Amino acid sequence: MNELKSKPNTNPSAVSIIKKVLLLGFEYKRSLANNIEKLTEVDGFNVWRNNEITDLSNIVQTRLHYLQNPLDCENARKLVCTISYRCGFGCQMHHLISCMILAYGMQRTLILESTGWQYHRN
């Protein structure tokens, strides 16, 4: 619509109509987003959603604590993740998060070897 509106040989009355359509579209979009946001508050499931989020968070945190603090560290199953190559911060975070997800899914203690990691020496 914006392309059509900005063409040099577009009829001025068509430009006016296109502007009105765009304004109405933006208004409908804003109204719909507002209605959806309010729906989450009044549909009766907001408390349930918050409880589910809290329960899921507790499950994940408990499992992470269990995996990262094994009773018998020597015999615990481990996953060693090495971040020693040079790439951007986002690239290294992506690699680290992939290691965390893999260790979590495989029920292993994650050992991070980050010698040479350029963003923090520890």
PDB file of N, CA and C in Angstrom:
ATOM      1  N   MET A   1       0.826  -1.182   0.000  1.00  0.00           N
ATOM      2  CA  MET A   1       0.000   0.000   0.000  1.00  0.00           C
ATOM      3  C   MET A   1       0.876   1.254   0.000  1.00  0.00           C
ATOM      4  N   ASN A   2       1.934   1.230   0.806  1.00  0.00           N
ATOM      5  CA  ASN A   2       2.824   2.398   0.846  1.00  0.00           C
ATOM      6  C   ASN A   2       3.506   2.620  -0.497  1.00  0.00           C
ATOM      7  N   GLU A   3       3.882   1.510  -1.166  1.00  0.00           N
ATOM      8  CA  GLU A   3       4.506   1.620  -2.478  1.00  0.00           C
ATOM      9  C   GLU A   3       3.550   2.249  -3.477  1.00  0.00           C
ATOM     10  N   LEU A   4       2.320   1.749  -3.466  1.00  0.00           N
ATOM     11  CA  LEU A   4       1.312   2.261  -4.377  1.00  0.00           C
ATOM     12  C   LEU A   4       1.041   3.741  -4.111  1.00  0.00           C
ATOM     13  N   LYS A   5       0.980   4.098  -2.837  1.00  0.00           N
ATOM     14  CA  LYS A   5       0.708   5.478  -2.435  1.00  0.00           C
ATOM     15  C   LYS A   5       1.821   6.418  -2.901  1.00  0.00           C
ATOM     16  N   SER A   6       3.061   5.932  -2.926  1.00  0.00           N
ATOM     17  CA  SER A   6       4.198   6.813  -3.230  1.00  0.00           C
ATOM     18  C   SER A   6       4.569   6.852  -4.711  1.00  0.00           C
ATOM     19  N   LYS A   7       3.872   6.088  -5.553  1.00  0.00           N
ATOM     20  CA  LYS A   7       4.166   6.148  -6.988  1.00  0.00           C
ATOM     21  C   LYS A   7       3.788   7.524  -7.525  1.00  0.00           C
ATOM     22  N   PRO A   8       4.613   8.085  -8.400  1.00  0.00           N
ATOM     23  CA  PRO A   8       4.385   9.461  -8.861  1.00  0.00           C
ATOM     24  C   PRO A   8       3.083   9.662  -9.649  1.00  0.00           C
ATOM     25  N   ASN A   9       2.622   8.661 -10.355  1.00  0.00           N
ATOM     26  CA  ASN A   9       1.440   8.871 -11.204  1.00  0.00           C
ATOM     27  C   ASN A   9       0.158   8.307 -10.575  1.00  0.00           C
ATOM     28  N   THR A  10       0.147   8.111  -9.235  1.00  0.00           N
ATOM     29  CA  THR A  10      -1.045   7.607  -8.555  1.00  0.00           C
ATOM     30  C   THR A  10      -2.047   8.752  -8.399  1.00  0.00           C
ATOM     31  N   ASN A  11      -3.290   8.453  -8.695  1.00  0.00           N
ATOM     32  CA  ASN A  11      -4.373   9.421  -8.601  1.00  0.00           C
ATOM     33  C   ASN A  11      -4.455   9.964  -7.169  1.00  0.00           C
ATOM     34  N   PRO A  12      -4.533  11.296  -6.985  1.00  0.00           N
ATOM     35  CA  PRO A  12      -4.602  11.884  -5.641  1.00  0.00           C
ATOM     36  C   PRO A  12      -5.772  11.359  -4.808  1.00  0.00           C
ATOM     37  N   SER A  13      -6.905  11.093  -5.420  1.00  0.00           N
ATOM     38  CA  SER A  13      -8.028  10.558  -4.643  1.00  0.00           C
ATOM     39  C   SER A  13      -7.724   9.129  -4.192  1.00  0.00           C
ATOM     40  N   ALA A  14      -6.985   8.369  -5.001  1.00  0.00           N
ATOM     41  CA  ALA A  14      -6.575   7.014  -4.613  1.00  0.00           C
ATOM     42  C   ALA A  14      -5.595   7.087  -3.438  1.00  0.00           C
ATOM     43  N   VAL A  15      -4.693   8.066  -3.460  1.00  0.00           N
ATOM     44  CA  VAL A  15      -3.737   8.246  -2.371  1.00  0.00           C
ATOM     45  C   VAL A  15      -4.484   8.530  -1.070  1.00  0.00           C
ATOM     46  N   SER A  16      -5.512   9.356  -1.168  1.00  0.00           N
ATOM     47  CA  SER A  16      -6.314   9.675   0.008  1.00  0.00           C
ATOM     48  C   SER A  16      -6.998   8.424   0.560  1.00  0.00           C
ATOM     49  N   ILE A  17      -7.543   7.605  -0.305  1.00  0.00           N
ATOM     50  CA  ILE A  17      -8.208   6.360   0.112  1.00  0.00           C
ATOM     51  C   ILE A  17      -7.195   5.402   0.726  1.00  0.00           C
ATOM     52  N   ILE A  18      -6.023   5.291   0.122  1.00  0.00           N
ATOM     53  CA  ILE A  18      -4.973   4.394   0.634  1.00  0.00           C
ATOM     54  C   ILE A  18      -4.558   4.833   2.034  1.00  0.00           C
ATOM     55  N   LYS A  19      -4.415   6.157   2.240  1.00  0.00           N
ATOM     56  CA  LYS A  19      -4.051   6.659   3.569  1.00  0.00           C
ATOM     57  C   LYS A  19      -5.104   6.282   4.603  1.00  0.00           C
ATOM     58  N   LYS A  20      -6.382   6.406   4.225  1.00  0.00           N
ATOM     59  CA  LYS A  20      -7.466   6.048   5.141  1.00  0.00           C
ATOM     60  C   LYS A  20      -7.451   4.560   5.457  1.00  0.00           C
ATOM     61  N   VAL A  21      -7.211   3.729   4.440  1.00  0.00           N
ATOM     62  CA  VAL A  21      -7.156   2.277   4.641  1.00  0.00           C
ATOM     63  C   VAL A  21      -6.008   1.917   5.578  1.00  0.00           C
ATOM     64  N   LEU A  22      -4.859   2.540   5.365  1.00  0.00           N
ATOM     65  CA  LEU A  22      -3.708   2.270   6.233  1.00  0.00           C
ATOM     66  C   LEU A  22      -3.991   2.686   7.672  1.00  0.00           C
ATOM     67  N   LEU A  23      -4.599   3.864   7.850  1.00  0.00           N
ATOM     68  CA  LEU A  23      -4.933   4.313   9.203  1.00  0.00           C
ATOM     69  C   LEU A  23      -5.919   3.362   9.871  1.00  0.00           C
ATOM     70  N   LEU A  24      -6.940   2.932   9.125  1.00  0.00           N
ATOM     71  CA  LEU A  24      -7.902   1.974   9.676  1.00  0.00           C
ATOM     72  C   LEU A  24      -7.227   0.646  10.025  1.00  0.00           C
ATOM     73  N   GLY A  25      -6.329   0.213   9.158  1.00  0.00           N
ATOM     74  CA  GLY A  25      -5.603  -1.034   9.418  1.00  0.00           C
ATOM     75  C   GLY A  25      -4.783  -0.953  10.693  1.00  0.00           C
ATOM     76  N   PHE A  26      -4.080   0.157  10.870  1.00  0.00           N
ATOM     77  CA  PHE A  26      -3.291   0.339  12.090  1.00  0.00           C
ATOM     78  C   PHE A  26      -4.184   0.392  13.321  1.00  0.00           C
ATOM     79  N   GLU A  27      -5.328   1.058  13.187  1.00  0.00           N
ATOM     80  CA  GLU A  27      -6.262   1.153  14.308  1.00  0.00           C
ATOM     81  C   GLU A  27      -6.830  -0.221  14.667  1.00  0.00           C
ATOM     82  N   TYR A  28      -7.206  -1.005  13.662  1.00  0.00           N
ATOM     83  CA  TYR A  28      -7.714  -2.359  13.924  1.00  0.00           C
ATOM     84  C   TYR A  28      -6.648  -3.231  14.573  1.00  0.00           C
ATOM     85  N   LYS A  29      -5.430  -3.105  14.089  1.00  0.00           N
ATOM     86  CA  LYS A  29      -4.329  -3.892  14.664  1.00  0.00           C
ATOM     87  C   LYS A  29      -4.117  -3.521  16.133  1.00  0.00           C
ATOM     88  N   ARG A  30      -4.090  -2.228  16.443  1.00  0.00           N
ATOM     89  CA  ARG A  30      -3.910  -1.779  17.810  1.00  0.00           C
ATOM     90  C   ARG A  30      -5.066  -2.243  18.692  1.00  0.00           C
ATOM     91  N   SER A  31      -6.268  -2.135  18.168  1.00  0.00           N
ATOM     92  CA  SER A  31      -7.450  -2.551  18.923  1.00  0.00           C
ATOM     93  C   SER A  31      -7.438  -4.058  19.182  1.00  0.00           C
ATOM     94  N   LEU A  32      -7.072  -4.838  18.159  1.00  0.00           N
ATOM     95  CA  LEU A  32      -7.011  -6.295  18.312  1.00  0.00           C
ATOM     96  C   LEU A  32      -5.962  -6.690  19.343  1.00  0.00           C
ATOM     97  N   ALA A  33      -4.792  -6.063  19.287  1.00  0.00           N
ATOM     98  CA  ALA A  33      -3.742  -6.364  20.266  1.00  0.00           C
ATOM     99  C   ALA A  33      -4.212  -6.024  21.673  1.00  0.00           C
ATOM    100  N   ASN A  34      -4.893  -4.910  21.814  1.00  0.00           N
ATOM    101  CA  ASN A  34      -5.421  -4.504  23.112  1.00  0.00           C
ATOM    102  C   ASN A  34      -6.471  -5.507  23.604  1.00  0.00           C
ATOM    103  N   ASN A  35      -7.359  -5.935  22.709  1.00  0.00           N
ATOM    104  CA  ASN A  35      -8.399  -6.899  23.083  1.00  0.00           C
ATOM    105  C   ASN A  35      -7.802  -8.242  23.494  1.00  0.00           C
ATOM    106  N   ILE A  36      -6.788  -8.691  22.778  1.00  0.00           N
ATOM    107  CA  ILE A  36      -6.153  -9.970  23.113  1.00  0.00           C
ATOM    108  C   ILE A  36      -5.481  -9.869  24.478  1.00  0.00           C
ATOM    109  N   GLU A  37      -4.834  -8.740  24.744  1.00  0.00           N
ATOM    110  CA  GLU A  37      -4.190  -8.549  26.046  1.00  0.00           C
ATOM    111  C   GLU A  37      -5.228  -8.571  27.166  1.00  0.00           C
ATOM    112  N   LYS A  38      -6.345  -7.911  26.955  1.00  0.00           N
ATOM    113  CA  LYS A  38      -7.396  -7.904  27.973  1.00  0.00           C
ATOM    114  C   LYS A  38      -8.042  -9.279  28.124  1.00  0.00           C
ATOM    115  N   LEU A  39      -8.146 -10.024  27.030  1.00  0.00           N
ATOM    116  CA  LEU A  39      -8.744 -11.351  27.077  1.00  0.00           C
ATOM    117  C   LEU A  39      -7.969 -12.267  28.018  1.00  0.00           C
ATOM    118  N   THR A  40      -6.651 -12.135  28.023  1.00  0.00           N
ATOM    119  CA  THR A  40      -5.854 -12.977  28.923  1.00  0.00           C
ATOM    120  C   THR A  40      -6.142 -12.679  30.387  1.00  0.00           C
ATOM    121  N   GLU A  41      -6.635 -11.478  30.657  1.00  0.00           N
ATOM    122  CA  GLU A  41      -6.946 -11.108  32.040  1.00  0.00           C
ATOM    123  C   GLU A  41      -8.349 -11.540  32.464  1.00  0.00           C
ATOM    124  N   VAL A  42      -9.279 -11.624  31.514  1.00  0.00           N
ATOM    125  CA  VAL A  42     -10.676 -11.869  31.872  1.00  0.00           C
ATOM    126  C   VAL A  42     -11.191 -13.249  31.472  1.00  0.00           C
ATOM    127  N   ASP A  43     -10.365 -14.073  30.842  1.00  0.00           N
ATOM    128  CA  ASP A  43     -10.863 -15.373  30.390  1.00  0.00           C
ATOM    129  C   ASP A  43     -10.928 -16.405  31.511  1.00  0.00           C
ATOM    130  N   GLY A  44     -10.500 -16.030  32.721  1.00  0.00           N
ATOM    131  CA  GLY A  44     -10.587 -16.928  33.863  1.00  0.00           C
ATOM    132  C   GLY A  44      -9.400 -17.863  34.008  1.00  0.00           C
ATOM    133  N   PHE A  45      -8.448 -17.776  33.090  1.00  0.00           N
ATOM    134  CA  PHE A  45      -7.309 -18.692  33.134  1.00  0.00           C
ATOM    135  C   PHE A  45      -6.001 -17.999  33.488  1.00  0.00           C
ATOM    136  N   ASN A  46      -6.046 -16.719  33.810  1.00  0.00           N
ATOM    137  CA  ASN A  46      -4.822 -15.994  34.111  1.00  0.00           C
ATOM    138  C   ASN A  46      -4.121 -16.563  35.342  1.00  0.00           C
ATOM    139  N   VAL A  47      -4.873 -16.848  36.393  1.00  0.00           N
ATOM    140  CA  VAL A  47      -4.283 -17.432  37.609  1.00  0.00           C
ATOM    141  C   VAL A  47      -3.705 -18.805  37.282  1.00  0.00           C
ATOM    142  N   TRP A  48      -4.449 -19.595  36.502  1.00  0.00           N
ATOM    143  CA  TRP A  48      -3.976 -20.928  36.113  1.00  0.00           C
ATOM    144  C   TRP A  48      -2.676 -20.823  35.318  1.00  0.00           C
ATOM    145  N   ARG A  49      -2.626 -19.878  34.340  1.00  0.00           N
ATOM    146  CA  ARG A  49      -1.408 -19.708  33.539  1.00  0.00           C
ATOM    147  C   ARG A  49      -0.227 -19.341  34.428  1.00  0.00           C
ATOM    148  N   ASN A  50      -0.438 -18.414  35.347  1.00  0.00           N
ATOM    149  CA  ASN A  50       0.651 -18.012  36.245  1.00  0.00           C
ATOM    150  C   ASN A  50       1.105 -19.175  37.121  1.00  0.00           C
ATOM    151  N   ASN A  51       0.172 -19.991  37.613  1.00  0.00           N
ATOM    152  CA  ASN A  51       0.540 -21.166  38.417  1.00  0.00           C
ATOM    153  C   ASN A  51       1.321 -22.176  37.582  1.00  0.00           C
ATOM    154  N   GLU A  52       0.893 -22.388  36.345  1.00  0.00           N
ATOM    155  CA  GLU A  52       1.602 -23.322  35.460  1.00  0.00           C
ATOM    156  C   GLU A  52       3.023 -22.854  35.185  1.00  0.00           C
ATOM    157  N   ILE A  53       3.182 -21.566  34.941  1.00  0.00           N
ATOM    158  CA  ILE A  53       4.517 -21.002  34.685  1.00  0.00           C
ATOM    159  C   ILE A  53       5.406 -21.184  35.912  1.00  0.00           C
ATOM    160  N   THR A  54       4.854 -20.911  37.089  1.00  0.00           N
ATOM    161  CA  THR A  54       5.616 -21.065  38.330  1.00  0.00           C
ATOM    162  C   THR A  54       5.990 -22.518  38.561  1.00  0.00           C
ATOM    163  N   ASP A  55       5.039 -23.437  38.363  1.00  0.00           N
ATOM    164  CA  ASP A  55       5.314 -24.866  38.542  1.00  0.00           C
ATOM    165  C   ASP A  55       6.393 -25.346  37.581  1.00  0.00           C
ATOM    166  N   LEU A  56       6.297 -24.948  36.318  1.00  0.00           N
ATOM    167  CA  LEU A  56       7.294 -25.359  35.326  1.00  0.00           C
ATOM    168  C   LEU A  56       8.664 -24.801  35.682  1.00  0.00           C
ATOM    169  N   SER A  57       8.707 -23.557  36.104  1.00  0.00           N
ATOM    170  CA  SER A  57       9.971 -22.945  36.516  1.00  0.00           C
ATOM    171  C   SER A  57      10.583 -23.711  37.680  1.00  0.00           C
ATOM    172  N   ASN A  58       9.765 -24.086  38.656  1.00  0.00           N
ATOM    173  CA  ASN A  58      10.266 -24.843  39.812  1.00  0.00           C
ATOM    174  C   ASN A  58      10.807 -26.207  39.397  1.00  0.00           C
ATOM    175  N   ILE A  59      10.129 -26.870  38.471  1.00  0.00           N
ATOM    176  CA  ILE A  59      10.593 -28.182  37.992  1.00  0.00           C
ATOM    177  C   ILE A  59      11.964 -28.042  37.336  1.00  0.00           C
ATOM    178  N   VAL A  60      12.101 -27.057  36.454  1.00  0.00           N
ATOM    179  CA  VAL A  60      13.371 -26.859  35.743  1.00  0.00           C
ATOM    180  C   VAL A  60      14.475 -26.482  36.722  1.00  0.00           C
ATOM    181  N   GLN A  61      14.200 -25.561  37.651  1.00  0.00           N
ATOM    182  CA  GLN A  61      15.211 -25.136  38.615  1.00  0.00           C
ATOM    183  C   GLN A  61      15.643 -26.286  39.527  1.00  0.00           C
ATOM    184  N   THR A  62      14.690 -27.099  39.964  1.00  0.00           N
ATOM    185  CA  THR A  62      15.018 -28.238  40.829  1.00  0.00           C
ATOM    186  C   THR A  62      15.904 -29.239  40.089  1.00  0.00           C
ATOM    187  N   ARG A  63      15.561 -29.502  38.827  1.00  0.00           N
ATOM    188  CA  ARG A  63      16.354 -30.456  38.048  1.00  0.00           C
ATOM    189  C   ARG A  63      17.745 -29.905  37.775  1.00  0.00           C
ATOM    190  N   LEU A  64      17.846 -28.622  37.442  1.00  0.00           N
ATOM    191  CA  LEU A  64      19.164 -28.018  37.225  1.00  0.00           C
ATOM    192  C   LEU A  64      20.015 -28.116  38.487  1.00  0.00           C
ATOM    193  N   HIS A  65      19.413 -27.823  39.627  1.00  0.00           N
ATOM    194  CA  HIS A  65      20.151 -27.894  40.893  1.00  0.00           C
ATOM    195  C   HIS A  65      20.616 -29.329  41.148  1.00  0.00           C
ATOM    196  N   TYR A  66      19.752 -30.299  40.914  1.00  0.00           N
ATOM    197  CA  TYR A  66      20.100 -31.705  41.113  1.00  0.00           C
ATOM    198  C   TYR A  66      21.238 -32.126  40.176  1.00  0.00           C
ATOM    199  N   LEU A  67      21.132 -31.735  38.892  1.00  0.00           N
ATOM    200  CA  LEU A  67      22.153 -32.134  37.922  1.00  0.00           C
ATOM    201  C   LEU A  67      23.495 -31.450  38.183  1.00  0.00           C
ATOM    202  N   GLN A  68      23.473 -30.210  38.609  1.00  0.00           N
ATOM    203  CA  GLN A  68      24.710 -29.466  38.799  1.00  0.00           C
ATOM    204  C   GLN A  68      25.319 -29.659  40.190  1.00  0.00           C
ATOM    205  N   ASN A  69      24.618 -30.357  41.070  1.00  0.00           N
ATOM    206  CA  ASN A  69      25.127 -30.630  42.417  1.00  0.00           C
ATOM    207  C   ASN A  69      24.932 -32.110  42.746  1.00  0.00           C
ATOM    208  N   PRO A  70      25.621 -33.000  42.005  1.00  0.00           N
ATOM    209  CA  PRO A  70      25.414 -34.436  42.226  1.00  0.00           C
ATOM    210  C   PRO A  70      25.923 -34.874  43.593  1.00  0.00           C
ATOM    211  N   LEU A  71      25.279 -35.915  44.145  1.00  0.00           N
ATOM    212  CA  LEU A  71      25.709 -36.449  45.440  1.00  0.00           C
ATOM    213  C   LEU A  71      27.097 -37.062  45.343  1.00  0.00           C
ATOM    214  N   ASP A  72      27.378 -37.759  44.244  1.00  0.00           N
ATOM    215  CA  ASP A  72      28.667 -38.407  44.025  1.00  0.00           C
ATOM    216  C   ASP A  72      29.277 -37.813  42.753  1.00  0.00           C
ATOM    217  N   CYS A  73      30.017 -36.758  42.910  1.00  0.00           N
ATOM    218  CA  CYS A  73      30.539 -36.017  41.765  1.00  0.00           C
ATOM    219  C   CYS A  73      31.463 -36.875  40.892  1.00  0.00           C
ATOM    220  N   GLU A  74      32.234 -37.738  41.546  1.00  0.00           N
ATOM    221  CA  GLU A  74      33.195 -38.556  40.794  1.00  0.00           C
ATOM    222  C   GLU A  74      32.497 -39.503  39.831  1.00  0.00           C
ATOM    223  N   ASN A  75      31.351 -40.059  40.227  1.00  0.00           N
ATOM    224  CA  ASN A  75      30.656 -41.026  39.390  1.00  0.00           C
ATOM    225  C   ASN A  75      29.468 -40.441  38.617  1.00  0.00           C
ATOM    226  N   ALA A  76      29.249 -39.152  38.747  1.00  0.00           N
ATOM    227  CA  ALA A  76      28.136 -38.517  38.031  1.00  0.00           C
ATOM    228  C   ALA A  76      28.427 -38.487  36.535  1.00  0.00           C
ATOM    229  N   ARG A  77      27.371 -38.664  35.749  1.00  0.00           N
ATOM    230  CA  ARG A  77      27.523 -38.545  34.298  1.00  0.00           C
ATOM    231  C   ARG A  77      27.684 -37.067  33.964  1.00  0.00           C
ATOM    232  N   LYS A  78      28.660 -36.788  33.103  1.00  0.00           N
ATOM    233  CA  LYS A  78      29.009 -35.397  32.822  1.00  0.00           C
ATOM    234  C   LYS A  78      29.007 -35.133  31.321  1.00  0.00           C
ATOM    235  N   LEU A  79      28.826 -33.877  30.993  1.00  0.00           N
ATOM    236  CA  LEU A  79      28.985 -33.397  29.626  1.00  0.00           C
ATOM    237  C   LEU A  79      29.955 -32.225  29.697  1.00  0.00           C
ATOM    238  N   VAL A  80      31.067 -32.341  28.987  1.00  0.00           N
ATOM    239  CA  VAL A  80      32.069 -31.273  28.981  1.00  0.00           C
ATOM    240  C   VAL A  80      31.839 -30.426  27.735  1.00  0.00           C
ATOM    241  N   CYS A  81      31.671 -29.152  27.955  1.00  0.00           N
ATOM    242  CA  CYS A  81      31.431 -28.206  26.865  1.00  0.00           C
ATOM    243  C   CYS A  81      32.599 -27.234  26.828  1.00  0.00           C
ATOM    244  N   THR A  82      33.243 -27.137  25.691  1.00  0.00           N
ATOM    245  CA  THR A  82      34.404 -26.271  25.547  1.00  0.00           C
ATOM    246  C   THR A  82      34.038 -25.067  24.687  1.00  0.00           C
ATOM    247  N   ILE A  83      34.270 -23.903  25.232  1.00  0.00           N
ATOM    248  CA  ILE A  83      34.088 -22.668  24.467  1.00  0.00           C
ATOM    249  C   ILE A  83      35.442 -21.987  24.438  1.00  0.00           C
ATOM    250  N   SER A  84      36.205 -22.260  23.385  1.00  0.00           N
ATOM    251  CA  SER A  84      37.557 -21.703  23.313  1.00  0.00           C
ATOM    252  C   SER A  84      37.834 -21.057  21.962  1.00  0.00           C
ATOM    253  N   TYR A  85      36.875 -21.067  21.078  1.00  0.00           N
ATOM    254  CA  TYR A  85      37.110 -20.487  19.762  1.00  0.00           C
ATOM    255  C   TYR A  85      36.645 -19.046  19.738  1.00  0.00           C
ATOM    256  N   ARG A  86      37.143 -18.310  18.790  1.00  0.00           N
ATOM    257  CA  ARG A  86      36.828 -16.886  18.677  1.00  0.00           C
ATOM    258  C   ARG A  86      35.624 -16.704  17.749  1.00  0.00           C
ATOM    259  N   CYS A  87      34.583 -16.156  18.298  1.00  0.00           N
ATOM    260  CA  CYS A  87      33.438 -15.716  17.503  1.00  0.00           C
ATOM    261  C   CYS A  87      32.718 -14.675  18.333  1.00  0.00           C
ATOM    262  N   GLY A  88      31.665 -14.111  17.842  1.00  0.00           N
ATOM    263  CA  GLY A  88      30.964 -13.050  18.547  1.00  0.00           C
ATOM    264  C   GLY A  88      30.313 -13.535  19.841  1.00  0.00           C
ATOM    265  N   PHE A  89      29.915 -12.578  20.666  1.00  0.00           N
ATOM    266  CA  PHE A  89      29.301 -12.892  21.957  1.00  0.00           C
ATOM    267  C   PHE A  89      28.038 -13.732  21.768  1.00  0.00           C
ATOM    268  N   GLY A  90      27.194 -13.341  20.832  1.00  0.00           N
ATOM    269  CA  GLY A  90      25.961 -14.094  20.573  1.00  0.00           C
ATOM    270  C   GLY A  90      26.250 -15.521  20.144  1.00  0.00           C
ATOM    271  N   CYS A  91      27.259 -15.712  19.320  1.00  0.00           N
ATOM    272  CA  CYS A  91      27.672 -17.043  18.870  1.00  0.00           C
ATOM    273  C   CYS A  91      28.091 -17.892  20.056  1.00  0.00           C
ATOM    274  N   GLN A  92      28.883 -17.321  20.960  1.00  0.00           N
ATOM    275  CA  GLN A  92      29.345 -18.071  22.121  1.00  0.00           C
ATOM    276  C   GLN A  92      28.202 -18.364  23.088  1.00  0.00           C
ATOM    277  N   MET A  93      27.281 -17.415  23.263  1.00  0.00           N
ATOM    278  CA  MET A  93      26.109 -17.658  24.121  1.00  0.00           C
ATOM    279  C   MET A  93      25.235 -18.763  23.525  1.00  0.00           C
ATOM    280  N   HIS A  94      25.089 -18.742  22.203  1.00  0.00           N
ATOM    281  CA  HIS A  94      24.317 -19.784  21.523  1.00  0.00           C
ATOM    282  C   HIS A  94      24.933 -21.158  21.789  1.00  0.00           C
ATOM    283  N   HIS A  95      26.251 -21.253  21.686  1.00  0.00           N
ATOM    284  CA  HIS A  95      26.945 -22.518  21.931  1.00  0.00           C
ATOM    285  C   HIS A  95      26.760 -22.952  23.383  1.00  0.00           C
ATOM    286  N   LEU A  96      26.906 -22.015  24.321  1.00  0.00           N
ATOM    287  CA  LEU A  96      26.749 -22.321  25.741  1.00  0.00           C
ATOM    288  C   LEU A  96      25.328 -22.809  26.038  1.00  0.00           C
ATOM    289  N   ILE A  97      24.331 -22.120  25.526  1.00  0.00           N
ATOM    290  CA  ILE A  97      22.940 -22.510  25.767  1.00  0.00           C
ATOM    291  C   ILE A  97      22.653 -23.871  25.149  1.00  0.00           C
ATOM    292  N   SER A  98      23.226 -24.138  23.978  1.00  0.00           N
ATOM    293  CA  SER A  98      23.063 -25.461  23.363  1.00  0.00           C
ATOM    294  C   SER A  98      23.638 -26.543  24.269  1.00  0.00           C
ATOM    295  N   CYS A  99      24.789 -26.269  24.859  1.00  0.00           N
ATOM    296  CA  CYS A  99      25.398 -27.222  25.789  1.00  0.00           C
ATOM    297  C   CYS A  99      24.513 -27.425  27.021  1.00  0.00           C
ATOM    298  N   MET A 100      23.949 -26.329  27.535  1.00  0.00           N
ATOM    299  CA  MET A 100      23.089 -26.431  28.715  1.00  0.00           C
ATOM    300  C   MET A 100      21.850 -27.276  28.416  1.00  0.00           C
ATOM    301  N   ILE A 101      21.239 -27.048  27.267  1.00  0.00           N
ATOM    302  CA  ILE A 101      20.040 -27.810  26.886  1.00  0.00           C
ATOM    303  C   ILE A 101      20.387 -29.277  26.696  1.00  0.00           C
ATOM    304  N   LEU A 102      21.512 -29.549  26.056  1.00  0.00           N
ATOM    305  CA  LEU A 102      21.936 -30.928  25.827  1.00  0.00           C
ATOM    306  C   LEU A 102      22.208 -31.641  27.145  1.00  0.00           C
ATOM    307  N   ALA A 103      22.922 -30.993  28.057  1.00  0.00           N
ATOM    308  CA  ALA A 103      23.215 -31.590  29.365  1.00  0.00           C
ATOM    309  C   ALA A 103      21.922 -31.834  30.141  1.00  0.00           C
ATOM    310  N   TYR A 104      21.031 -30.892  30.101  1.00  0.00           N
ATOM    311  CA  TYR A 104      19.743 -31.015  30.796  1.00  0.00           C
ATOM    312  C   TYR A 104      18.958 -32.203  30.237  1.00  0.00           C
ATOM    313  N   GLY A 105      18.887 -32.281  28.908  1.00  0.00           N
ATOM    314  CA  GLY A 105      18.142 -33.360  28.265  1.00  0.00           C
ATOM    315  C   GLY A 105      18.765 -34.732  28.478  1.00  0.00           C
ATOM    316  N   MET A 106      20.083 -34.786  28.561  1.00  0.00           N
ATOM    317  CA  MET A 106      20.775 -36.058  28.757  1.00  0.00           C
ATOM    318  C   MET A 106      20.954 -36.393  30.231  1.00  0.00           C
ATOM    319  N   GLN A 107      20.467 -35.517  31.106  1.00  0.00           N
ATOM    320  CA  GLN A 107      20.562 -35.681  32.553  1.00  0.00           C
ATOM    321  C   GLN A 107      22.014 -35.824  32.995  1.00  0.00           C
ATOM    322  N   ARG A 108      22.826 -34.896  32.544  1.00  0.00           N
ATOM    323  CA  ARG A 108      24.253 -34.899  32.880  1.00  0.00           C
ATOM    324  C   ARG A 108      24.649 -33.584  33.536  1.00  0.00           C
ATOM    325  N   THR A 109      25.698 -33.654  34.340  1.00  0.00           N
ATOM    326  CA  THR A 109      26.262 -32.455  34.943  1.00  0.00           C
ATOM    327  C   THR A 109      27.074 -31.737  33.877  1.00  0.00           C
ATOM    328  N   LEU A 110      26.842 -30.458  33.701  1.00  0.00           N
ATOM    329  CA  LEU A 110      27.564 -29.683  32.699  1.00  0.00           C
ATOM    330  C   LEU A 110      28.857 -29.166  33.287  1.00  0.00           C
ATOM    331  N   ILE A 111      29.947 -29.437  32.599  1.00  0.00           N
ATOM    332  CA  ILE A 111      31.251 -28.885  32.957  1.00  0.00           C
ATOM    333  C   ILE A 111      31.650 -27.975  31.814  1.00  0.00           C
ATOM    334  N   LEU A 112      31.829 -26.724  32.132  1.00  0.00           N
ATOM    335  CA  LEU A 112      32.152 -25.724  31.125  1.00  0.00           C
ATOM    336  C   LEU A 112      33.645 -25.446  31.152  1.00  0.00           C
ATOM    337  N   GLU A 113      34.287 -25.679  30.045  1.00  0.00           N
ATOM    338  CA  GLU A 113      35.696 -25.324  29.879  1.00  0.00           C
ATOM    339  C   GLU A 113      35.728 -24.113  28.969  1.00  0.00           C
ATOM    340  N   SER A 114      36.107 -22.998  29.527  1.00  0.00           N
ATOM    341  CA  SER A 114      36.051 -21.759  28.752  1.00  0.00           C
ATOM    342  C   SER A 114      37.408 -21.074  28.686  1.00  0.00           C
ATOM    343  N   THR A 115      38.473 -21.849  28.691  1.00  0.00           N
ATOM    344  CA  THR A 115      39.804 -21.277  28.575  1.00  0.00           C
ATOM    345  C   THR A 115      39.897 -20.506  27.267  1.00  0.00           C
ATOM    346  N   GLY A 116      40.316 -19.281  27.358  1.00  0.00           N
ATOM    347  CA  GLY A 116      40.436 -18.470  26.155  1.00  0.00           C
ATOM    348  C   GLY A 116      39.152 -17.762  25.773  1.00  0.00           C
ATOM    349  N   TRP A 117      38.135 -17.882  26.622  1.00  0.00           N
ATOM    350  CA  TRP A 117      36.884 -17.192  26.319  1.00  0.00           C
ATOM    351  C   TRP A 117      37.156 -15.710  26.418  1.00  0.00           C
ATOM    352  N   GLN A 118      36.867 -14.964  25.386  1.00  0.00           N
ATOM    353  CA  GLN A 118      37.320 -13.580  25.300  1.00  0.00           C
ATOM    354  C   GLN A 118      36.489 -12.583  26.087  1.00  0.00           C
ATOM    355  N   TYR A 119      35.366 -12.989  26.669  1.00  0.00           N
ATOM    356  CA  TYR A 119      34.501 -12.005  27.315  1.00  0.00           C
ATOM    357  C   TYR A 119      34.658 -11.974  28.843  1.00  0.00           C
ATOM    358  N   HIS A 120      35.210 -13.032  29.428  1.00  0.00           N
ATOM    359  CA  HIS A 120      35.436 -13.026  30.875  1.00  0.00           C
ATOM    360  C   HIS A 120      36.442 -14.117  31.185  1.00  0.00           C
ATOM    361  N   ARG A 121      37.459 -13.829  31.937  1.00  0.00           N
ATOM    362  CA  ARG A 121      38.532 -14.800  32.190  1.00  0.00           C
ATOM    363  C   ARG A 121      38.096 -15.932  33.094  1.00  0.00           C
ATOM    364  N   ASN A 122      37.150 -15.681  33.995  1.00  0.00           N
ATOM    365  CA  ASN A 122      36.735 -16.746  34.927  1.00  0.00           C
ATOM    366  C   ASN A 122      35.735 -17.660  34.271  1.00  0.00           C
TER     367      ASN A 122
END
